[in-house]
Amino acid sequence: MKQFFKDNVYQSVRMLLNQIAMTMFALMLIFAVSTAGEKNGASASTNDLLLITVSSLSILFYLFLLYHMSYEMGQKDGIRIQGGRMAPTPWKGFFIALIANIPNLLLGLLEFIGKVAIAGDSVFADVSRMDPSPVWAASLYDICHTIARFIQSMYTGLGATIFRGVGFFDLLIPLPAILVCTLSYRLGVRYCDGFVKRTPKATAKAKDSRYQ
């Protein structure tokens, strides 16, 4: 595992940088939507709908970036595997995405622990309407919740509307990214030559055309 981390830490950092870039993009959209809603006197339901729309589009764009990155990585590895220069590693996309999402998973876990300590079994309760005690749990929840929502702003609209008060929402946020990277890497390896397999004759013609 140590060697795997050493060989692929660059890819994990790239995924983390994609997340940061999308965070900035989502923050700008959310700010624009909120400002426009206040100026136009939009109702709460309209604001919520706009937040959900902006958040959903940001999430889809973010996942598309991860899909493209992991698929391309899978294609390159697939060519090496076909040439016998690399052993198959079907879970490579999963582990790279898991490493990239360690900060997100850690924040979500600590936030969940803080909420459980405050609300007990009521993990769906809204902590903002509860007695913030014990103090350590309230502080842990507030700090981790604020950081998690800031560095994963793509999900802020959904977290503030549909999943408001769900204690484990921030813990689930990294799962779509990990799933997309796992599947797209495998697809890239499988279809490293493209979706349409060329016949030997067609391949020979393609090679000949390069020298004409």
C-alpha atoms as a PDB file:
ATOM      1  CA  MET A   1       0.000   0.000   0.000  1.00  0.00           C
ATOM      2  CA  LYS A   2       2.922   2.333   0.732  1.00  0.00           C
ATOM      3  CA  GLN A   3       4.279   1.849  -2.800  1.00  0.00           C
ATOM      4  CA  PHE A   4       0.800   2.352  -4.266  1.00  0.00           C
ATOM      5  CA  PHE A   5       0.464   5.640  -2.399  1.00  0.00           C
ATOM      6  CA  LYS A   6       3.894   6.756  -3.575  1.00  0.00           C
ATOM      7  CA  ASP A   7       3.131   5.925  -7.214  1.00  0.00           C
ATOM      8  CA  ASN A   8      -0.352   7.468  -7.304  1.00  0.00           C
ATOM      9  CA  VAL A   9      -0.329  10.349  -4.818  1.00  0.00           C
ATOM     10  CA  TYR A  10      -0.078  12.783  -7.753  1.00  0.00           C
ATOM     11  CA  GLN A  11      -3.429  11.561  -9.124  1.00  0.00           C
ATOM     12  CA  SER A  12      -5.042  11.928  -5.694  1.00  0.00           C
ATOM     13  CA  VAL A  13      -3.722  15.482  -5.443  1.00  0.00           C
ATOM     14  CA  ARG A  14      -5.175  16.221  -8.909  1.00  0.00           C
ATOM     15  CA  MET A  15      -8.579  15.021  -7.714  1.00  0.00           C
ATOM     16  CA  LEU A  16      -8.314  17.207  -4.635  1.00  0.00           C
ATOM     17  CA  LEU A  17      -7.391  20.211  -6.785  1.00  0.00           C
ATOM     18  CA  ASN A  18     -10.440  19.520  -8.975  1.00  0.00           C
ATOM     19  CA  GLN A  19     -12.563  19.594  -5.840  1.00  0.00           C
ATOM     20  CA  ILE A  20     -11.070  22.928  -4.749  1.00  0.00           C
ATOM     21  CA  ALA A  21     -11.651  24.420  -8.206  1.00  0.00           C
ATOM     22  CA  MET A  22     -15.271  23.256  -8.220  1.00  0.00           C
ATOM     23  CA  THR A  23     -15.694  24.593  -4.690  1.00  0.00           C
ATOM     24  CA  MET A  24     -14.775  28.087  -5.893  1.00  0.00           C
ATOM     25  CA  PHE A  25     -17.098  27.701  -8.890  1.00  0.00           C
ATOM     26  CA  ALA A  26     -20.005  26.536  -6.719  1.00  0.00           C
ATOM     27  CA  LEU A  27     -19.462  29.322  -4.179  1.00  0.00           C
ATOM     28  CA  MET A  28     -19.701  31.946  -6.914  1.00  0.00           C
ATOM     29  CA  LEU A  29     -22.929  30.416  -8.244  1.00  0.00           C
ATOM     30  CA  ILE A  30     -24.484  30.141  -4.787  1.00  0.00           C
ATOM     31  CA  PHE A  31     -23.529  33.738  -3.980  1.00  0.00           C
ATOM     32  CA  ALA A  32     -24.989  34.955  -7.283  1.00  0.00           C
ATOM     33  CA  VAL A  33     -28.235  33.045  -6.746  1.00  0.00           C
ATOM     34  CA  SER A  34     -28.599  34.247  -3.143  1.00  0.00           C
ATOM     35  CA  THR A  35     -27.907  37.866  -4.100  1.00  0.00           C
ATOM     36  CA  ALA A  36     -30.351  37.755  -7.018  1.00  0.00           C
ATOM     37  CA  GLY A  37     -33.011  36.209  -4.792  1.00  0.00           C
ATOM     38  CA  GLU A  38     -32.649  38.956  -2.170  1.00  0.00           C
ATOM     39  CA  LYS A  39     -32.771  41.744  -4.762  1.00  0.00           C
ATOM     40  CA  ASN A  40     -35.846  40.339  -6.480  1.00  0.00           C
ATOM     41  CA  GLY A  41     -37.609  39.449  -3.229  1.00  0.00           C
ATOM     42  CA  ALA A  42     -37.969  35.801  -4.192  1.00  0.00           C
ATOM     43  CA  SER A  43     -39.885  33.486  -1.876  1.00  0.00           C
ATOM     44  CA  ALA A  44     -38.159  30.892   0.292  1.00  0.00           C
ATOM     45  CA  SER A  45     -39.373  28.056  -1.927  1.00  0.00           C
ATOM     46  CA  THR A  46     -38.013  29.787  -5.046  1.00  0.00           C
ATOM     47  CA  ASN A  47     -34.651  30.325  -3.361  1.00  0.00           C
ATOM     48  CA  ASP A  48     -34.539  26.691  -2.326  1.00  0.00           C
ATOM     49  CA  LEU A  49     -35.328  25.573  -5.866  1.00  0.00           C
ATOM     50  CA  LEU A  50     -32.547  27.772  -7.260  1.00  0.00           C
ATOM     51  CA  LEU A  51     -30.085  26.441  -4.696  1.00  0.00           C
ATOM     52  CA  ILE A  52     -31.005  22.854  -5.526  1.00  0.00           C
ATOM     53  CA  THR A  53     -30.587  23.527  -9.263  1.00  0.00           C
ATOM     54  CA  VAL A  54     -27.218  25.263  -8.886  1.00  0.00           C
ATOM     55  CA  SER A  55     -25.975  22.613  -6.481  1.00  0.00           C
ATOM     56  CA  SER A  56     -27.066  19.750  -8.748  1.00  0.00           C
ATOM     57  CA  LEU A  57     -25.379  21.276 -11.806  1.00  0.00           C
ATOM     58  CA  SER A  58     -22.172  21.859  -9.849  1.00  0.00           C
ATOM     59  CA  ILE A  59     -22.161  18.272  -8.596  1.00  0.00           C
ATOM     60  CA  LEU A  60     -22.708  16.862 -12.092  1.00  0.00           C
ATOM     61  CA  PHE A  61     -19.905  18.989 -13.518  1.00  0.00           C
ATOM     62  CA  TYR A  62     -17.577  17.948 -10.688  1.00  0.00           C
ATOM     63  CA  LEU A  63     -18.353  14.257 -11.192  1.00  0.00           C
ATOM     64  CA  PHE A  64     -17.848  14.653 -14.952  1.00  0.00           C
ATOM     65  CA  LEU A  65     -14.351  16.046 -14.339  1.00  0.00           C
ATOM     66  CA  LEU A  66     -13.539  13.087 -12.118  1.00  0.00           C
ATOM     67  CA  TYR A  67     -15.005  10.667 -14.665  1.00  0.00           C
ATOM     68  CA  HIS A  68     -12.902  12.103 -17.484  1.00  0.00           C
ATOM     69  CA  MET A  69      -9.738  12.063 -15.385  1.00  0.00           C
ATOM     70  CA  SER A  70     -10.215   8.486 -14.159  1.00  0.00           C
ATOM     71  CA  TYR A  71     -11.289   7.180 -17.571  1.00  0.00           C
ATOM     72  CA  GLU A  72      -8.207   8.658 -19.211  1.00  0.00           C
ATOM     73  CA  MET A  73      -6.021   7.154 -16.491  1.00  0.00           C
ATOM     74  CA  GLY A  74      -7.690   3.776 -17.071  1.00  0.00           C
ATOM     75  CA  GLN A  75      -7.067   3.980 -20.815  1.00  0.00           C
ATOM     76  CA  LYS A  76      -3.353   4.603 -20.313  1.00  0.00           C
ATOM     77  CA  ASP A  77      -3.091   1.719 -17.843  1.00  0.00           C
ATOM     78  CA  GLY A  78      -5.147  -0.512 -20.148  1.00  0.00           C
ATOM     79  CA  ILE A  79      -2.609  -0.063 -22.946  1.00  0.00           C
ATOM     80  CA  ARG A  80       0.217  -0.952 -20.558  1.00  0.00           C
ATOM     81  CA  ILE A  81      -1.692  -4.007 -19.349  1.00  0.00           C
ATOM     82  CA  GLN A  82      -2.300  -5.217 -22.904  1.00  0.00           C
ATOM     83  CA  GLY A  83       1.411  -4.805 -23.639  1.00  0.00           C
ATOM     84  CA  GLY A  84       2.382  -6.806 -20.558  1.00  0.00           C
ATOM     85  CA  ARG A  85       4.117  -3.811 -18.966  1.00  0.00           C
ATOM     86  CA  MET A  86       1.729  -3.548 -16.036  1.00  0.00           C
ATOM     87  CA  ALA A  87      -0.259  -5.925 -13.839  1.00  0.00           C
ATOM     88  CA  PRO A  88      -4.050  -5.376 -13.715  1.00  0.00           C
ATOM     89  CA  THR A  89      -5.168  -3.206 -10.776  1.00  0.00           C
ATOM     90  CA  PRO A  90      -8.995  -3.114 -11.018  1.00  0.00           C
ATOM     91  CA  TRP A  91      -9.419  -1.173  -7.754  1.00  0.00           C
ATOM     92  CA  LYS A  92      -6.854   1.524  -8.573  1.00  0.00           C
ATOM     93  CA  GLY A  93      -9.518   4.171  -9.246  1.00  0.00           C
ATOM     94  CA  PHE A  94     -11.233   3.363  -5.942  1.00  0.00           C
ATOM     95  CA  PHE A  95      -8.098   3.693  -3.824  1.00  0.00           C
ATOM     96  CA  ILE A  96      -6.895   6.885  -5.548  1.00  0.00           C
ATOM     97  CA  ALA A  97     -10.311   8.488  -4.969  1.00  0.00           C
ATOM     98  CA  LEU A  98     -10.369   7.194  -1.386  1.00  0.00           C
ATOM     99  CA  ILE A  99      -6.998   8.810  -0.660  1.00  0.00           C
ATOM    100  CA  ALA A 100      -8.149  12.084  -2.256  1.00  0.00           C
ATOM    101  CA  ASN A 101     -11.301  12.082  -0.098  1.00  0.00           C
ATOM    102  CA  ILE A 102      -9.609  11.380   3.246  1.00  0.00           C
ATOM    103  CA  PRO A 103     -10.117  15.020   4.401  1.00  0.00           C
ATOM    104  CA  ASN A 104     -13.812  14.890   3.412  1.00  0.00           C
ATOM    105  CA  LEU A 105     -14.395  11.531   5.099  1.00  0.00           C
ATOM    106  CA  LEU A 106     -12.574  12.605   8.256  1.00  0.00           C
ATOM    107  CA  LEU A 107     -14.565  15.833   8.536  1.00  0.00           C
ATOM    108  CA  GLY A 108     -17.842  13.973   7.923  1.00  0.00           C
ATOM    109  CA  LEU A 109     -17.006  11.364  10.562  1.00  0.00           C
ATOM    110  CA  LEU A 110     -16.034  13.921  13.212  1.00  0.00           C
ATOM    111  CA  GLU A 111     -19.140  15.974  12.437  1.00  0.00           C
ATOM    112  CA  PHE A 112     -21.306  12.870  12.803  1.00  0.00           C
ATOM    113  CA  ILE A 113     -19.678  11.997  16.147  1.00  0.00           C
ATOM    114  CA  GLY A 114     -20.364  15.523  17.391  1.00  0.00           C
ATOM    115  CA  LYS A 115     -24.000  15.398  16.312  1.00  0.00           C
ATOM    116  CA  VAL A 116     -24.583  11.980  17.898  1.00  0.00           C
ATOM    117  CA  ALA A 117     -23.142  13.292  21.165  1.00  0.00           C
ATOM    118  CA  ILE A 118     -25.566  16.240  21.029  1.00  0.00           C
ATOM    119  CA  ALA A 119     -28.719  14.611  19.676  1.00  0.00           C
ATOM    120  CA  GLY A 120     -28.263  11.027  20.815  1.00  0.00           C
ATOM    121  CA  ASP A 121     -30.361   8.734  18.616  1.00  0.00           C
ATOM    122  CA  SER A 122     -32.027  11.649  16.791  1.00  0.00           C
ATOM    123  CA  VAL A 123     -29.506  11.907  13.946  1.00  0.00           C
ATOM    124  CA  PHE A 124     -32.168  13.538  11.751  1.00  0.00           C
ATOM    125  CA  ALA A 125     -32.773  16.348  14.261  1.00  0.00           C
ATOM    126  CA  ASP A 126     -31.777  19.939  13.476  1.00  0.00           C
ATOM    127  CA  VAL A 127     -28.883  20.704  15.841  1.00  0.00           C
ATOM    128  CA  SER A 128     -29.373  24.475  15.487  1.00  0.00           C
ATOM    129  CA  ARG A 129     -32.688  24.109  17.357  1.00  0.00           C
ATOM    130  CA  MET A 130     -31.264  21.976  20.159  1.00  0.00           C
ATOM    131  CA  ASP A 131     -29.394  22.721  23.368  1.00  0.00           C
ATOM    132  CA  PRO A 132     -25.712  22.836  22.266  1.00  0.00           C
ATOM    133  CA  SER A 133     -24.334  20.492  24.890  1.00  0.00           C
ATOM    134  CA  PRO A 134     -21.941  19.036  25.727  1.00  0.00           C
ATOM    135  CA  VAL A 135     -19.789  21.972  24.692  1.00  0.00           C
ATOM    136  CA  TRP A 136     -17.032  19.848  23.129  1.00  0.00           C
ATOM    137  CA  ALA A 137     -19.552  18.074  20.903  1.00  0.00           C
ATOM    138  CA  ALA A 138     -21.176  21.331  19.782  1.00  0.00           C
ATOM    139  CA  SER A 139     -17.779  22.827  18.969  1.00  0.00           C
ATOM    140  CA  LEU A 140     -16.688  19.697  17.119  1.00  0.00           C
ATOM    141  CA  TYR A 141     -19.887  19.648  15.086  1.00  0.00           C
ATOM    142  CA  ASP A 142     -19.844  23.382  14.235  1.00  0.00           C
ATOM    143  CA  ILE A 143     -16.176  23.448  13.183  1.00  0.00           C
ATOM    144  CA  CYS A 144     -16.291  20.277  11.079  1.00  0.00           C
ATOM    145  CA  HIS A 145     -19.663  21.162   9.547  1.00  0.00           C
ATOM    146  CA  THR A 146     -18.466  24.629   8.522  1.00  0.00           C
ATOM    147  CA  ILE A 147     -15.196  23.352   7.001  1.00  0.00           C
ATOM    148  CA  ALA A 148     -16.908  20.421   5.250  1.00  0.00           C
ATOM    149  CA  ARG A 149     -19.525  22.646   3.641  1.00  0.00           C
ATOM    150  CA  PHE A 150     -16.875  25.161   2.588  1.00  0.00           C
ATOM    151  CA  ILE A 151     -14.531  22.686   0.874  1.00  0.00           C
ATOM    152  CA  GLN A 152     -17.484  20.807  -0.653  1.00  0.00           C
ATOM    153  CA  SER A 153     -19.622  23.768  -1.654  1.00  0.00           C
ATOM    154  CA  MET A 154     -21.086  21.851  -4.605  1.00  0.00           C
ATOM    155  CA  TYR A 155     -23.295  20.032  -2.098  1.00  0.00           C
ATOM    156  CA  THR A 156     -24.254  23.088  -0.027  1.00  0.00           C
ATOM    157  CA  GLY A 157     -27.545  23.667  -1.848  1.00  0.00           C
ATOM    158  CA  LEU A 158     -28.725  20.099  -1.293  1.00  0.00           C
ATOM    159  CA  GLY A 159     -27.458  20.059   2.299  1.00  0.00           C
ATOM    160  CA  ALA A 160     -29.291  23.286   3.149  1.00  0.00           C
ATOM    161  CA  THR A 161     -32.595  22.225   1.570  1.00  0.00           C
ATOM    162  CA  ILE A 162     -33.383  18.562   0.896  1.00  0.00           C
ATOM    163  CA  PHE A 163     -30.972  17.057   3.444  1.00  0.00           C
ATOM    164  CA  ARG A 164     -31.235  19.758   6.107  1.00  0.00           C
ATOM    165  CA  GLY A 165     -30.659  18.295   9.553  1.00  0.00           C
ATOM    166  CA  VAL A 166     -29.457  14.886   8.301  1.00  0.00           C
ATOM    167  CA  GLY A 167     -26.520  14.173  10.580  1.00  0.00           C
ATOM    168  CA  PHE A 168     -24.646  11.864   8.261  1.00  0.00           C
ATOM    169  CA  PHE A 169     -25.088  13.826   5.003  1.00  0.00           C
ATOM    170  CA  ASP A 170     -21.542  15.220   5.006  1.00  0.00           C
ATOM    171  CA  LEU A 171     -20.261  11.711   5.660  1.00  0.00           C
ATOM    172  CA  LEU A 172     -22.006  10.473   2.495  1.00  0.00           C
ATOM    173  CA  ILE A 173     -20.850  13.338   0.249  1.00  0.00           C
ATOM    174  CA  PRO A 174     -17.553  11.662  -0.851  1.00  0.00           C
ATOM    175  CA  LEU A 175     -19.287   8.434  -1.941  1.00  0.00           C
ATOM    176  CA  PRO A 176     -20.483   9.595  -5.415  1.00  0.00           C
ATOM    177  CA  ALA A 177     -16.956  10.767  -6.296  1.00  0.00           C
ATOM    178  CA  ILE A 178     -15.396   7.485  -5.140  1.00  0.00           C
ATOM    179  CA  LEU A 179     -17.997   5.441  -7.032  1.00  0.00           C
ATOM    180  CA  VAL A 180     -17.557   7.440 -10.265  1.00  0.00           C
ATOM    181  CA  CYS A 181     -13.760   7.136 -10.137  1.00  0.00           C
ATOM    182  CA  THR A 182     -13.964   3.386  -9.489  1.00  0.00           C
ATOM    183  CA  LEU A 183     -16.305   2.703 -12.416  1.00  0.00           C
ATOM    184  CA  SER A 184     -14.723   5.134 -14.891  1.00  0.00           C
ATOM    185  CA  TYR A 185     -11.226   3.738 -14.298  1.00  0.00           C
ATOM    186  CA  ARG A 186     -12.464   0.220 -15.008  1.00  0.00           C
ATOM    187  CA  LEU A 187     -14.244   1.399 -18.146  1.00  0.00           C
ATOM    188  CA  GLY A 188     -11.086   3.142 -19.286  1.00  0.00           C
ATOM    189  CA  VAL A 189      -9.054  -0.045 -18.871  1.00  0.00           C
ATOM    190  CA  ARG A 190     -11.680  -2.152 -20.627  1.00  0.00           C
ATOM    191  CA  TYR A 191     -12.137   0.212 -23.561  1.00  0.00           C
ATOM    192  CA  CYS A 192      -8.584   1.507 -23.832  1.00  0.00           C
ATOM    193  CA  ASP A 193      -8.731   0.908 -27.616  1.00  0.00           C
ATOM    194  CA  GLY A 194     -12.105   2.634 -27.949  1.00  0.00           C
ATOM    195  CA  PHE A 195     -15.645   1.278 -27.889  1.00  0.00           C
ATOM    196  CA  VAL A 196     -15.478  -0.025 -31.458  1.00  0.00           C
ATOM    197  CA  LYS A 197     -12.928  -2.758 -32.060  1.00  0.00           C
ATOM    198  CA  ARG A 198     -11.137  -2.354 -35.386  1.00  0.00           C
ATOM    199  CA  THR A 199     -10.614  -5.329 -37.638  1.00  0.00           C
ATOM    200  CA  PRO A 200      -6.999  -6.138 -38.585  1.00  0.00           C
ATOM    201  CA  LYS A 201      -7.693  -4.879 -42.135  1.00  0.00           C
ATOM    202  CA  ALA A 202      -9.084  -1.577 -40.901  1.00  0.00           C
ATOM    203  CA  THR A 203      -6.170  -1.188 -38.504  1.00  0.00           C
ATOM    204  CA  ALA A 204      -3.661  -1.805 -41.320  1.00  0.00           C
ATOM    205  CA  LYS A 205      -5.368   0.808 -43.518  1.00  0.00           C
ATOM    206  CA  ALA A 206      -5.273   3.321 -40.660  1.00  0.00           C
ATOM    207  CA  LYS A 207      -1.552   2.735 -40.221  1.00  0.00           C
ATOM    208  CA  ASP A 208      -0.883   3.059 -43.953  1.00  0.00           C
ATOM    209  CA  SER A 209      -2.804   6.319 -44.150  1.00  0.00           C
ATOM    210  CA  ARG A 210      -0.414   7.908 -41.653  1.00  0.00           C
ATOM    211  CA  TYR A 211       2.444   7.649 -44.152  1.00  0.00           C
ATOM    212  CA  GLN A 212       0.572   8.981 -47.166  1.00  0.00           C
END
